[in-house]
Amino acid sequence: MSKLIIVPTPIGNLKDITLRAIDVLKEVDLILAEDTRKTSILLKHFEIKNNLKPYHKFNEHKQLASIISKLKSGTKIALVSDAGTPAISDPGFLLVRECVNNEIEVETLPGATAFVPAIVNSGFPCEKFCFEGFLPQKKGRQKRLKELSEEKRTIVLYESPHRLIKALKQIAEYFGEERQVSVSRELTKMHEENKRGTAKELISYFEKATIKGEIVIVIKGID
């Protein structure tokens, strides 16, 4: 029976993949991968042999009709991203929406995603939070930062290593230097780091540090 299955993959430590995810990746007819090279490494590690097809932000619009056609013909397809859960700041939303519109079954497996361990590790309230993913790089960025500075819920952002200092300086500017912030990087890996403090303190720390790995920034909401 045709079905799209969303399969989370480890964000670092390969042991974080679920047994169910391994079974699905073995059994489907086709795996859509954000980067087939990275997914090939994962599949090889777990001795999985299957068909791979690239599906990423640069081709997802072009591939959409073809994939839907395959699903309608009875193909069972898995979607994976480089790390974590597809559609969470990664390609996937367009395909899921198109499947829903075409009454094609979608199944989403639970699994790894970076913001959950980061927000729990922060020590900030996490019963309610605001997930922003990646902020706009240019247009609309300042406006969104101003809006978020009044947010009462804990705020979660994704950022790249080379933009971390800039992001922290903007947080200090719009949220205040004393706003409590937590930065998590290299989550689940050997050199995982969770650094907490005021925006001012974290700027000082990371200006002297070597910054590698994907970054999750967690900001405490206003009291």
N, C-alpha and C. Protein backbone atom coordinates (compact mmCIF):
# COMPACT_ATOMS: atom_id res chain seq x y z
N MET A 1 0.85 -1.20 0.00
CA MET A 1 0.00 0.00 0.00
C MET A 1 0.88 1.24 0.00
N SER A 2 0.56 2.21 -0.83
CA SER A 2 1.37 3.43 -0.92
C SER A 2 1.31 4.22 0.39
N LYS A 3 2.45 4.78 0.73
CA LYS A 3 2.53 5.54 1.97
C LYS A 3 3.83 6.35 1.96
N LEU A 4 3.76 7.56 2.51
CA LEU A 4 4.97 8.35 2.77
C LEU A 4 5.28 8.21 4.25
N ILE A 5 6.50 7.81 4.56
CA ILE A 5 6.90 7.64 5.95
C ILE A 5 8.02 8.63 6.27
N ILE A 6 7.79 9.49 7.24
CA ILE A 6 8.78 10.46 7.68
C ILE A 6 9.67 9.79 8.73
N VAL A 7 10.97 9.70 8.43
CA VAL A 7 11.88 8.95 9.30
C VAL A 7 12.96 9.87 9.88
N PRO A 8 12.92 10.15 11.18
CA PRO A 8 13.99 10.93 11.81
C PRO A 8 15.29 10.13 11.83
N THR A 9 16.40 10.81 11.64
CA THR A 9 17.72 10.19 11.71
C THR A 9 18.54 10.87 12.81
N PRO A 10 19.58 10.21 13.31
CA PRO A 10 20.37 10.79 14.41
C PRO A 10 20.93 12.17 14.09
N ILE A 11 20.99 13.03 15.10
CA ILE A 11 21.57 14.36 14.91
C ILE A 11 23.08 14.34 15.16
N GLY A 12 23.58 13.20 15.59
CA GLY A 12 25.01 13.07 15.83
C GLY A 12 25.38 11.63 16.13
N ASN A 13 24.95 11.17 17.28
CA ASN A 13 25.25 9.81 17.73
C ASN A 13 24.36 8.81 16.99
N LEU A 14 24.99 7.92 16.23
CA LEU A 14 24.23 6.98 15.40
C LEU A 14 23.38 6.02 16.23
N LYS A 15 23.70 5.87 17.52
CA LYS A 15 22.93 4.97 18.37
C LYS A 15 21.54 5.52 18.68
N ASP A 16 21.30 6.77 18.32
CA ASP A 16 20.01 7.38 18.61
C ASP A 16 18.93 7.03 17.59
N ILE A 17 19.28 6.30 16.55
CA ILE A 17 18.25 5.87 15.60
C ILE A 17 17.38 4.80 16.26
N THR A 18 16.11 4.74 15.93
CA THR A 18 15.23 3.74 16.54
C THR A 18 15.24 2.45 15.73
N LEU A 19 14.91 1.36 16.40
CA LEU A 19 14.82 0.06 15.72
C LEU A 19 13.75 0.11 14.63
N ARG A 20 12.68 0.84 14.92
CA ARG A 20 11.60 0.96 13.94
C ARG A 20 12.07 1.70 12.69
N ALA A 21 12.88 2.75 12.89
CA ALA A 21 13.39 3.51 11.75
C ALA A 21 14.26 2.62 10.87
N ILE A 22 15.09 1.80 11.47
CA ILE A 22 15.93 0.88 10.70
C ILE A 22 15.07 -0.07 9.88
N ASP A 23 14.04 -0.61 10.51
CA ASP A 23 13.14 -1.53 9.79
C ASP A 23 12.49 -0.85 8.59
N VAL A 24 12.02 0.37 8.79
CA VAL A 24 11.34 1.10 7.72
C VAL A 24 12.30 1.36 6.56
N LEU A 25 13.53 1.79 6.87
CA LEU A 25 14.50 2.09 5.82
C LEU A 25 14.89 0.84 5.02
N LYS A 26 14.76 -0.31 5.64
CA LYS A 26 15.02 -1.58 4.94
C LYS A 26 13.85 -1.98 4.05
N GLU A 27 12.64 -1.65 4.49
CA GLU A 27 11.44 -2.21 3.85
C GLU A 27 10.83 -1.36 2.75
N VAL A 28 11.06 -0.04 2.78
CA VAL A 28 10.41 0.81 1.78
C VAL A 28 10.98 0.56 0.38
N ASP A 29 10.26 1.03 -0.63
CA ASP A 29 10.70 0.87 -2.01
C ASP A 29 11.73 1.93 -2.41
N LEU A 30 11.68 3.07 -1.74
CA LEU A 30 12.54 4.20 -2.11
C LEU A 30 12.77 5.09 -0.90
N ILE A 31 14.00 5.62 -0.78
CA ILE A 31 14.33 6.58 0.28
C ILE A 31 14.67 7.91 -0.36
N LEU A 32 13.94 8.95 0.01
CA LEU A 32 14.26 10.31 -0.41
C LEU A 32 15.20 10.92 0.62
N ALA A 33 16.36 11.40 0.16
CA ALA A 33 17.38 11.88 1.09
C ALA A 33 17.81 13.30 0.76
N GLU A 34 17.98 14.11 1.80
CA GLU A 34 18.43 15.49 1.61
C GLU A 34 19.82 15.51 0.96
N ASP A 35 20.70 14.64 1.44
CA ASP A 35 22.03 14.48 0.86
C ASP A 35 22.31 12.98 0.78
N THR A 36 22.30 12.44 -0.43
CA THR A 36 22.44 10.98 -0.59
C THR A 36 23.79 10.48 -0.08
N ARG A 37 24.81 11.34 -0.12
CA ARG A 37 26.13 10.93 0.38
C ARG A 37 26.09 10.68 1.88
N LYS A 38 25.47 11.61 2.61
CA LYS A 38 25.38 11.46 4.06
C LYS A 38 24.47 10.29 4.44
N THR A 39 23.37 10.16 3.75
CA THR A 39 22.45 9.07 4.05
C THR A 39 23.08 7.72 3.71
N SER A 40 23.91 7.67 2.69
CA SER A 40 24.61 6.43 2.33
C SER A 40 25.50 5.96 3.46
N ILE A 41 26.13 6.89 4.15
CA ILE A 41 26.99 6.54 5.30
C ILE A 41 26.14 5.91 6.40
N LEU A 42 24.98 6.50 6.66
CA LEU A 42 24.07 5.97 7.67
C LEU A 42 23.59 4.57 7.29
N LEU A 43 23.17 4.41 6.05
CA LEU A 43 22.66 3.11 5.60
C LEU A 43 23.75 2.04 5.65
N LYS A 44 24.95 2.41 5.26
CA LYS A 44 26.06 1.45 5.28
C LYS A 44 26.35 1.00 6.70
N HIS A 45 26.29 1.94 7.65
CA HIS A 45 26.56 1.61 9.05
C HIS A 45 25.59 0.55 9.58
N PHE A 46 24.33 0.65 9.15
CA PHE A 46 23.31 -0.28 9.63
C PHE A 46 23.02 -1.40 8.62
N GLU A 47 23.92 -1.53 7.65
CA GLU A 47 23.85 -2.60 6.65
C GLU A 47 22.48 -2.61 5.93
N ILE A 48 22.08 -1.41 5.53
CA ILE A 48 20.82 -1.25 4.81
C ILE A 48 21.12 -0.98 3.34
N LYS A 49 20.56 -1.78 2.47
CA LYS A 49 20.71 -1.58 1.03
C LYS A 49 19.34 -1.22 0.45
N ASN A 50 19.25 -0.02 -0.12
CA ASN A 50 17.98 0.43 -0.68
C ASN A 50 18.22 1.51 -1.72
N ASN A 51 17.19 1.85 -2.45
CA ASN A 51 17.27 2.87 -3.49
C ASN A 51 17.21 4.27 -2.87
N LEU A 52 18.13 5.14 -3.30
CA LEU A 52 18.18 6.50 -2.80
C LEU A 52 17.91 7.49 -3.93
N LYS A 53 17.18 8.55 -3.59
CA LYS A 53 16.92 9.62 -4.56
C LYS A 53 17.05 10.95 -3.83
N PRO A 54 17.77 11.92 -4.41
CA PRO A 54 17.94 13.21 -3.73
C PRO A 54 16.63 14.01 -3.65
N TYR A 55 16.38 14.57 -2.49
CA TYR A 55 15.21 15.44 -2.30
C TYR A 55 15.63 16.52 -1.31
N HIS A 56 15.86 17.73 -1.82
CA HIS A 56 16.37 18.81 -1.00
C HIS A 56 15.72 20.13 -1.40
N LYS A 57 16.12 21.20 -0.72
CA LYS A 57 15.44 22.49 -0.91
C LYS A 57 15.61 23.05 -2.32
N PHE A 58 16.62 22.57 -3.06
CA PHE A 58 16.85 23.10 -4.40
C PHE A 58 16.07 22.35 -5.48
N ASN A 59 15.54 21.17 -5.14
CA ASN A 59 14.80 20.42 -6.17
C ASN A 59 13.41 19.96 -5.72
N GLU A 60 13.02 20.31 -4.48
CA GLU A 60 11.77 19.76 -3.94
C GLU A 60 10.54 20.17 -4.75
N HIS A 61 10.53 21.38 -5.29
CA HIS A 61 9.37 21.79 -6.09
C HIS A 61 9.30 20.99 -7.40
N LYS A 62 10.44 20.78 -8.02
CA LYS A 62 10.48 20.05 -9.29
C LYS A 62 10.14 18.57 -9.10
N GLN A 63 10.53 18.03 -7.96
CA GLN A 63 10.34 16.60 -7.72
C GLN A 63 8.94 16.24 -7.26
N LEU A 64 8.18 17.22 -6.83
CA LEU A 64 6.92 16.98 -6.15
C LEU A 64 5.94 16.13 -6.97
N ALA A 65 5.70 16.52 -8.19
CA ALA A 65 4.71 15.81 -9.02
C ALA A 65 5.14 14.37 -9.28
N SER A 66 6.41 14.17 -9.54
CA SER A 66 6.93 12.83 -9.80
C SER A 66 6.78 11.92 -8.59
N ILE A 67 7.06 12.46 -7.41
CA ILE A 67 6.97 11.66 -6.18
C ILE A 67 5.52 11.30 -5.87
N ILE A 68 4.64 12.27 -6.03
CA ILE A 68 3.22 12.01 -5.81
C ILE A 68 2.72 10.93 -6.77
N SER A 69 3.17 10.99 -8.00
CA SER A 69 2.80 9.97 -8.99
C SER A 69 3.26 8.59 -8.56
N LYS A 70 4.48 8.50 -8.04
CA LYS A 70 5.01 7.21 -7.56
C LYS A 70 4.17 6.70 -6.39
N LEU A 71 3.82 7.60 -5.49
CA LEU A 71 3.02 7.20 -4.33
C LEU A 71 1.64 6.70 -4.76
N LYS A 72 1.05 7.40 -5.71
CA LYS A 72 -0.29 7.00 -6.20
C LYS A 72 -0.25 5.64 -6.89
N SER A 73 0.91 5.27 -7.42
CA SER A 73 1.03 3.99 -8.12
C SER A 73 1.31 2.82 -7.18
N GLY A 74 1.43 3.15 -5.87
CA GLY A 74 1.61 2.08 -4.89
C GLY A 74 2.99 1.99 -4.27
N THR A 75 3.84 2.95 -4.56
CA THR A 75 5.20 2.94 -4.02
C THR A 75 5.20 3.39 -2.56
N LYS A 76 5.95 2.69 -1.75
CA LYS A 76 6.11 3.08 -0.35
C LYS A 76 7.44 3.82 -0.22
N ILE A 77 7.38 5.07 0.24
CA ILE A 77 8.56 5.95 0.24
C ILE A 77 8.86 6.46 1.65
N ALA A 78 10.17 6.47 1.98
CA ALA A 78 10.62 7.08 3.24
C ALA A 78 11.32 8.39 2.92
N LEU A 79 11.12 9.39 3.77
CA LEU A 79 11.80 10.67 3.64
C LEU A 79 12.71 10.89 4.83
N VAL A 80 14.00 11.18 4.56
CA VAL A 80 14.95 11.48 5.62
C VAL A 80 15.65 12.79 5.31
N SER A 81 16.12 13.47 6.34
CA SER A 81 16.98 14.64 6.16
C SER A 81 18.39 14.25 6.60
N ASP A 82 19.32 15.18 6.54
CA ASP A 82 20.69 14.87 6.94
C ASP A 82 20.76 14.47 8.41
N ALA A 83 19.94 15.10 9.22
CA ALA A 83 19.92 14.82 10.66
C ALA A 83 18.63 15.34 11.26
N GLY A 84 18.06 14.56 12.17
CA GLY A 84 16.84 14.99 12.83
C GLY A 84 15.58 14.62 12.06
N THR A 85 14.52 15.34 12.35
CA THR A 85 13.21 15.04 11.78
C THR A 85 12.93 15.90 10.54
N PRO A 86 12.66 15.28 9.39
CA PRO A 86 12.33 16.05 8.19
C PRO A 86 11.16 17.00 8.43
N ALA A 87 11.19 18.13 7.72
CA ALA A 87 10.17 19.18 7.78
C ALA A 87 10.38 20.14 8.95
N ILE A 88 11.25 19.78 9.91
CA ILE A 88 11.58 20.71 10.99
C ILE A 88 12.84 21.46 10.57
N SER A 89 12.66 22.63 9.96
CA SER A 89 13.76 23.41 9.40
C SER A 89 14.54 22.63 8.35
N ASP A 90 13.91 21.69 7.71
CA ASP A 90 14.47 20.88 6.63
C ASP A 90 13.36 20.59 5.63
N PRO A 91 13.70 20.17 4.41
CA PRO A 91 12.66 19.84 3.43
C PRO A 91 11.70 18.76 3.95
N GLY A 92 10.44 18.87 3.55
CA GLY A 92 9.45 17.88 3.96
C GLY A 92 8.04 18.40 3.98
N PHE A 93 7.88 19.65 4.38
CA PHE A 93 6.54 20.22 4.51
C PHE A 93 5.76 20.17 3.20
N LEU A 94 6.39 20.59 2.11
CA LEU A 94 5.70 20.63 0.81
C LEU A 94 5.19 19.26 0.41
N LEU A 95 6.02 18.24 0.62
CA LEU A 95 5.64 16.88 0.23
C LEU A 95 4.52 16.35 1.11
N VAL A 96 4.62 16.59 2.41
CA VAL A 96 3.56 16.13 3.32
C VAL A 96 2.24 16.81 2.97
N ARG A 97 2.28 18.12 2.72
CA ARG A 97 1.05 18.85 2.37
C ARG A 97 0.43 18.30 1.09
N GLU A 98 1.29 18.00 0.10
CA GLU A 98 0.78 17.49 -1.16
C GLU A 98 0.18 16.09 -0.99
N CYS A 99 0.79 15.30 -0.11
CA CYS A 99 0.22 13.97 0.18
C CYS A 99 -1.15 14.10 0.85
N VAL A 100 -1.26 15.01 1.80
CA VAL A 100 -2.53 15.23 2.48
C VAL A 100 -3.59 15.67 1.48
N ASN A 101 -3.21 16.60 0.57
CA ASN A 101 -4.15 17.10 -0.43
C ASN A 101 -4.61 16.00 -1.40
N ASN A 102 -3.74 14.99 -1.59
CA ASN A 102 -4.06 13.89 -2.50
C ASN A 102 -4.54 12.64 -1.77
N GLU A 103 -4.82 12.81 -0.48
CA GLU A 103 -5.33 11.70 0.35
C GLU A 103 -4.40 10.49 0.33
N ILE A 104 -3.09 10.77 0.33
CA ILE A 104 -2.07 9.73 0.43
C ILE A 104 -1.66 9.62 1.90
N GLU A 105 -1.59 8.42 2.40
CA GLU A 105 -1.30 8.22 3.82
C GLU A 105 0.11 8.71 4.15
N VAL A 106 0.21 9.43 5.26
CA VAL A 106 1.50 9.89 5.78
C VAL A 106 1.67 9.35 7.19
N GLU A 107 2.81 8.76 7.44
CA GLU A 107 3.12 8.24 8.78
C GLU A 107 4.42 8.88 9.23
N THR A 108 4.43 9.44 10.42
CA THR A 108 5.63 10.10 10.94
C THR A 108 6.16 9.35 12.16
N LEU A 109 7.39 8.89 12.07
CA LEU A 109 7.99 8.17 13.18
C LEU A 109 8.53 9.16 14.21
N PRO A 110 8.46 8.84 15.49
CA PRO A 110 9.09 9.69 16.49
C PRO A 110 10.59 9.47 16.45
N GLY A 111 11.34 10.48 16.87
CA GLY A 111 12.79 10.31 16.86
C GLY A 111 13.54 11.60 17.11
N ALA A 112 14.78 11.61 16.71
CA ALA A 112 15.70 12.70 17.04
C ALA A 112 15.29 14.03 16.44
N THR A 113 15.44 15.08 17.24
CA THR A 113 15.35 16.45 16.76
C THR A 113 16.12 17.31 17.74
N ALA A 114 16.83 18.31 17.25
CA ALA A 114 17.81 19.02 18.08
C ALA A 114 17.21 19.90 19.17
N PHE A 115 16.05 20.52 18.90
CA PHE A 115 15.59 21.52 19.86
C PHE A 115 15.08 20.92 21.17
N VAL A 116 14.66 19.66 21.17
CA VAL A 116 14.12 19.07 22.41
C VAL A 116 15.20 18.93 23.49
N PRO A 117 16.34 18.26 23.22
CA PRO A 117 17.36 18.20 24.27
C PRO A 117 17.91 19.57 24.63
N ALA A 118 17.97 20.48 23.66
CA ALA A 118 18.51 21.82 23.94
C ALA A 118 17.63 22.59 24.91
N ILE A 119 16.31 22.55 24.71
CA ILE A 119 15.42 23.31 25.60
C ILE A 119 15.35 22.68 26.98
N VAL A 120 15.38 21.36 27.05
CA VAL A 120 15.37 20.69 28.35
C VAL A 120 16.66 20.99 29.11
N ASN A 121 17.79 20.98 28.38
CA ASN A 121 19.10 21.25 28.98
C ASN A 121 19.24 22.68 29.48
N SER A 122 18.48 23.60 28.90
CA SER A 122 18.65 25.02 29.22
C SER A 122 18.32 25.35 30.67
N GLY A 123 17.40 24.59 31.24
CA GLY A 123 16.95 24.91 32.59
C GLY A 123 15.86 25.98 32.60
N PHE A 124 15.42 26.42 31.42
CA PHE A 124 14.35 27.39 31.32
C PHE A 124 13.01 26.66 31.24
N PRO A 125 11.91 27.33 31.58
CA PRO A 125 10.59 26.68 31.51
C PRO A 125 10.34 26.11 30.11
N CYS A 126 9.90 24.86 30.04
CA CYS A 126 9.69 24.25 28.72
C CYS A 126 8.32 23.61 28.57
N GLU A 127 7.39 23.94 29.50
CA GLU A 127 6.03 23.44 29.31
C GLU A 127 5.33 24.20 28.18
N LYS A 128 5.81 25.41 27.93
CA LYS A 128 5.36 26.19 26.78
C LYS A 128 6.59 26.86 26.17
N PHE A 129 6.72 26.80 24.86
CA PHE A 129 7.87 27.45 24.23
C PHE A 129 7.53 27.87 22.81
N CYS A 130 8.36 28.75 22.27
CA CYS A 130 8.17 29.30 20.92
C CYS A 130 9.34 28.84 20.06
N PHE A 131 9.07 27.96 19.09
CA PHE A 131 10.12 27.48 18.21
C PHE A 131 10.15 28.31 16.94
N GLU A 132 11.28 28.98 16.70
CA GLU A 132 11.40 29.87 15.54
C GLU A 132 12.25 29.28 14.43
N GLY A 133 13.00 28.22 14.69
CA GLY A 133 13.90 27.68 13.68
C GLY A 133 14.95 28.72 13.31
N PHE A 134 15.28 28.82 12.01
CA PHE A 134 16.24 29.82 11.56
C PHE A 134 15.51 31.14 11.31
N LEU A 135 16.00 32.21 11.91
CA LEU A 135 15.45 33.53 11.66
C LEU A 135 15.82 33.99 10.25
N PRO A 136 15.05 34.93 9.67
CA PRO A 136 15.42 35.48 8.36
C PRO A 136 16.83 36.06 8.43
N GLN A 137 17.61 35.85 7.37
CA GLN A 137 18.98 36.35 7.37
C GLN A 137 19.05 37.87 7.24
N LYS A 138 18.16 38.45 6.45
CA LYS A 138 18.21 39.89 6.23
C LYS A 138 16.83 40.51 6.43
N LYS A 139 16.01 40.47 5.40
CA LYS A 139 14.70 41.11 5.44
C LYS A 139 13.81 40.50 6.53
N GLY A 140 13.34 41.33 7.43
CA GLY A 140 12.43 40.88 8.47
C GLY A 140 13.10 40.39 9.74
N ARG A 141 14.41 40.30 9.75
CA ARG A 141 15.11 39.77 10.92
C ARG A 141 14.97 40.69 12.14
N GLN A 142 15.25 41.98 11.95
CA GLN A 142 15.18 42.92 13.06
C GLN A 142 13.76 43.04 13.61
N LYS A 143 12.79 43.05 12.70
CA LYS A 143 11.39 43.13 13.13
C LYS A 143 11.02 41.93 13.98
N ARG A 144 11.46 40.73 13.55
CA ARG A 144 11.12 39.52 14.30
C ARG A 144 11.82 39.50 15.65
N LEU A 145 13.04 39.97 15.72
CA LEU A 145 13.76 40.03 16.99
C LEU A 145 13.05 40.97 17.97
N LYS A 146 12.57 42.10 17.47
CA LYS A 146 11.84 43.04 18.32
C LYS A 146 10.57 42.39 18.87
N GLU A 147 9.87 41.65 18.02
CA GLU A 147 8.64 40.96 18.45
C GLU A 147 8.95 39.89 19.49
N LEU A 148 9.99 39.13 19.25
CA LEU A 148 10.35 38.04 20.17
C LEU A 148 10.85 38.56 21.52
N SER A 149 11.38 39.77 21.53
CA SER A 149 11.90 40.32 22.79
C SER A 149 10.81 40.50 23.84
N GLU A 150 9.54 40.50 23.40
CA GLU A 150 8.40 40.64 24.32
C GLU A 150 7.75 39.29 24.62
N GLU A 151 8.30 38.22 24.09
CA GLU A 151 7.72 36.89 24.26
C GLU A 151 7.91 36.38 25.69
N LYS A 152 6.82 35.89 26.29
CA LYS A 152 6.89 35.36 27.66
C LYS A 152 7.35 33.91 27.69
N ARG A 153 7.11 33.20 26.59
CA ARG A 153 7.52 31.79 26.53
C ARG A 153 9.01 31.68 26.23
N THR A 154 9.59 30.55 26.56
CA THR A 154 10.97 30.26 26.18
C THR A 154 11.06 30.21 24.66
N ILE A 155 12.12 30.77 24.10
CA ILE A 155 12.28 30.89 22.65
C ILE A 155 13.42 29.98 22.19
N VAL A 156 13.20 29.27 21.10
CA VAL A 156 14.21 28.36 20.55
C VAL A 156 14.55 28.77 19.12
N LEU A 157 15.85 28.95 18.87
CA LEU A 157 16.33 29.33 17.54
C LEU A 157 17.39 28.34 17.07
N TYR A 158 17.49 28.17 15.75
CA TYR A 158 18.59 27.44 15.15
C TYR A 158 19.55 28.46 14.55
N GLU A 159 20.84 28.17 14.59
CA GLU A 159 21.81 29.08 14.00
C GLU A 159 23.04 28.30 13.53
N SER A 160 23.73 28.85 12.55
CA SER A 160 24.95 28.21 12.06
C SER A 160 26.14 28.70 12.88
N PRO A 161 27.23 27.92 12.94
CA PRO A 161 28.39 28.30 13.76
C PRO A 161 28.97 29.67 13.41
N HIS A 162 29.06 29.99 12.11
CA HIS A 162 29.71 31.24 11.72
C HIS A 162 28.83 32.47 11.97
N ARG A 163 27.56 32.24 12.33
CA ARG A 163 26.68 33.39 12.63
C ARG A 163 26.32 33.48 14.11
N LEU A 164 26.90 32.62 14.92
CA LEU A 164 26.52 32.59 16.34
C LEU A 164 26.82 33.91 17.05
N ILE A 165 28.02 34.43 16.88
CA ILE A 165 28.40 35.68 17.57
C ILE A 165 27.47 36.82 17.17
N LYS A 166 27.20 36.92 15.87
CA LYS A 166 26.29 37.96 15.39
C LYS A 166 24.91 37.81 16.03
N ALA A 167 24.42 36.57 16.10
CA ALA A 167 23.10 36.32 16.68
C ALA A 167 23.07 36.70 18.16
N LEU A 168 24.12 36.34 18.89
CA LEU A 168 24.18 36.67 20.32
C LEU A 168 24.23 38.18 20.54
N LYS A 169 24.95 38.89 19.68
CA LYS A 169 25.02 40.35 19.80
C LYS A 169 23.66 40.98 19.51
N GLN A 170 22.93 40.41 18.57
CA GLN A 170 21.59 40.92 18.29
C GLN A 170 20.63 40.61 19.44
N ILE A 171 20.79 39.46 20.06
CA ILE A 171 19.97 39.13 21.23
C ILE A 171 20.25 40.13 22.34
N ALA A 172 21.54 40.44 22.56
CA ALA A 172 21.90 41.42 23.58
C ALA A 172 21.30 42.78 23.26
N GLU A 173 21.27 43.14 21.98
CA GLU A 173 20.74 44.43 21.56
C GLU A 173 19.23 44.52 21.74
N TYR A 174 18.51 43.49 21.34
CA TYR A 174 17.05 43.55 21.34
C TYR A 174 16.41 43.00 22.62
N PHE A 175 17.08 42.07 23.27
CA PHE A 175 16.52 41.44 24.47
C PHE A 175 17.16 42.00 25.75
N GLY A 176 18.32 42.62 25.60
CA GLY A 176 19.05 43.14 26.75
C GLY A 176 20.23 42.24 27.09
N GLU A 177 21.33 42.84 27.52
CA GLU A 177 22.56 42.09 27.80
C GLU A 177 22.41 41.09 28.93
N GLU A 178 21.44 41.32 29.82
CA GLU A 178 21.27 40.44 30.98
C GLU A 178 20.26 39.33 30.75
N ARG A 179 19.69 39.25 29.55
CA ARG A 179 18.72 38.18 29.28
C ARG A 179 19.44 36.83 29.35
N GLN A 180 18.80 35.87 30.01
CA GLN A 180 19.38 34.54 30.16
C GLN A 180 19.27 33.76 28.85
N VAL A 181 20.39 33.16 28.45
CA VAL A 181 20.46 32.44 27.18
C VAL A 181 21.21 31.12 27.40
N SER A 182 20.86 30.12 26.62
CA SER A 182 21.58 28.85 26.63
C SER A 182 21.94 28.50 25.19
N VAL A 183 23.18 28.11 24.97
CA VAL A 183 23.64 27.71 23.63
C VAL A 183 24.07 26.25 23.68
N SER A 184 23.48 25.44 22.82
CA SER A 184 23.84 24.03 22.72
C SER A 184 24.44 23.76 21.35
N ARG A 185 25.54 23.03 21.34
CA ARG A 185 26.16 22.68 20.06
C ARG A 185 26.71 21.26 20.13
N GLU A 186 26.88 20.66 18.97
CA GLU A 186 27.40 19.29 18.88
C GLU A 186 26.56 18.32 19.73
N LEU A 187 25.25 18.53 19.76
CA LEU A 187 24.39 17.69 20.59
C LEU A 187 24.52 16.22 20.23
N THR A 188 24.60 15.39 21.25
CA THR A 188 24.73 13.93 21.20
C THR A 188 26.11 13.46 20.76
N LYS A 189 27.01 14.37 20.42
CA LYS A 189 28.34 13.99 19.95
C LYS A 189 29.35 14.03 21.10
N MET A 190 30.57 13.60 20.80
CA MET A 190 31.62 13.52 21.82
C MET A 190 31.93 14.87 22.46
N HIS A 191 31.88 15.93 21.66
CA HIS A 191 32.23 17.26 22.17
C HIS A 191 30.99 18.13 22.40
N GLU A 192 29.90 17.50 22.80
CA GLU A 192 28.69 18.27 23.10
C GLU A 192 28.97 19.34 24.14
N GLU A 193 28.38 20.51 23.93
CA GLU A 193 28.54 21.61 24.87
C GLU A 193 27.22 22.33 25.06
N ASN A 194 26.87 22.59 26.32
CA ASN A 194 25.70 23.38 26.68
C ASN A 194 26.19 24.52 27.57
N LYS A 195 26.19 25.72 27.04
CA LYS A 195 26.71 26.87 27.76
C LYS A 195 25.58 27.81 28.12
N ARG A 196 25.45 28.15 29.39
CA ARG A 196 24.37 29.00 29.88
C ARG A 196 24.92 30.28 30.50
N GLY A 197 24.13 31.35 30.44
CA GLY A 197 24.55 32.61 31.05
C GLY A 197 23.77 33.77 30.45
N THR A 198 24.17 34.98 30.76
CA THR A 198 23.53 36.14 30.15
C THR A 198 24.03 36.27 28.71
N ALA A 199 23.31 37.04 27.93
CA ALA A 199 23.73 37.27 26.55
C ALA A 199 25.15 37.85 26.52
N LYS A 200 25.42 38.77 27.42
CA LYS A 200 26.74 39.40 27.50
C LYS A 200 27.82 38.38 27.83
N GLU A 201 27.55 37.50 28.77
CA GLU A 201 28.53 36.48 29.16
C GLU A 201 28.81 35.50 28.03
N LEU A 202 27.77 35.13 27.30
CA LEU A 202 27.97 34.16 26.22
C LEU A 202 28.72 34.78 25.04
N ILE A 203 28.50 36.06 24.79
CA ILE A 203 29.28 36.75 23.75
C ILE A 203 30.75 36.69 24.09
N SER A 204 31.07 37.03 25.32
CA SER A 204 32.46 37.03 25.78
C SER A 204 33.07 35.63 25.67
N TYR A 205 32.30 34.61 26.05
CA TYR A 205 32.80 33.23 26.01
C TYR A 205 33.05 32.76 24.59
N PHE A 206 32.07 32.93 23.72
CA PHE A 206 32.19 32.37 22.38
C PHE A 206 33.10 33.19 21.47
N GLU A 207 33.37 34.45 21.80
CA GLU A 207 34.34 35.23 21.02
C GLU A 207 35.75 34.65 21.17
N LYS A 208 35.97 33.91 22.25
CA LYS A 208 37.29 33.31 22.49
C LYS A 208 37.33 31.82 22.16
N ALA A 209 36.18 31.27 21.78
CA ALA A 209 36.08 29.83 21.58
C ALA A 209 36.12 29.47 20.09
N THR A 210 36.45 28.20 19.83
CA THR A 210 36.32 27.65 18.49
C THR A 210 34.91 27.09 18.35
N ILE A 211 34.16 27.61 17.40
CA ILE A 211 32.74 27.25 17.30
C ILE A 211 32.54 26.29 16.14
N LYS A 212 32.11 25.09 16.45
CA LYS A 212 31.83 24.08 15.43
C LYS A 212 30.48 23.43 15.72
N GLY A 213 29.92 22.80 14.71
CA GLY A 213 28.66 22.06 14.91
C GLY A 213 27.44 22.93 14.76
N GLU A 214 26.30 22.28 14.58
CA GLU A 214 25.03 23.01 14.49
C GLU A 214 24.68 23.60 15.85
N ILE A 215 24.02 24.75 15.84
CA ILE A 215 23.77 25.51 17.06
C ILE A 215 22.27 25.62 17.35
N VAL A 216 21.92 25.40 18.63
CA VAL A 216 20.56 25.70 19.10
C VAL A 216 20.68 26.77 20.19
N ILE A 217 19.99 27.88 20.01
CA ILE A 217 19.98 28.95 20.99
C ILE A 217 18.63 28.95 21.70
N VAL A 218 18.65 28.93 23.02
CA VAL A 218 17.43 28.96 23.81
C VAL A 218 17.45 30.24 24.65
N ILE A 219 16.40 31.02 24.55
CA ILE A 219 16.32 32.31 25.25
C ILE A 219 15.17 32.28 26.25
N LYS A 220 15.44 32.66 27.46
CA LYS A 220 14.39 32.71 28.47
C LYS A 220 13.41 33.83 28.15
N GLY A 221 12.12 33.53 28.28
CA GLY A 221 11.11 34.56 28.04
C GLY A 221 11.10 35.59 29.16
N ILE A 222 10.40 36.69 28.92
CA ILE A 222 10.34 37.73 29.96
C ILE A 222 9.46 37.25 31.10
N ASP A 223 9.80 37.62 32.31
CA ASP A 223 9.04 37.21 33.50
C ASP A 223 7.75 38.03 33.59
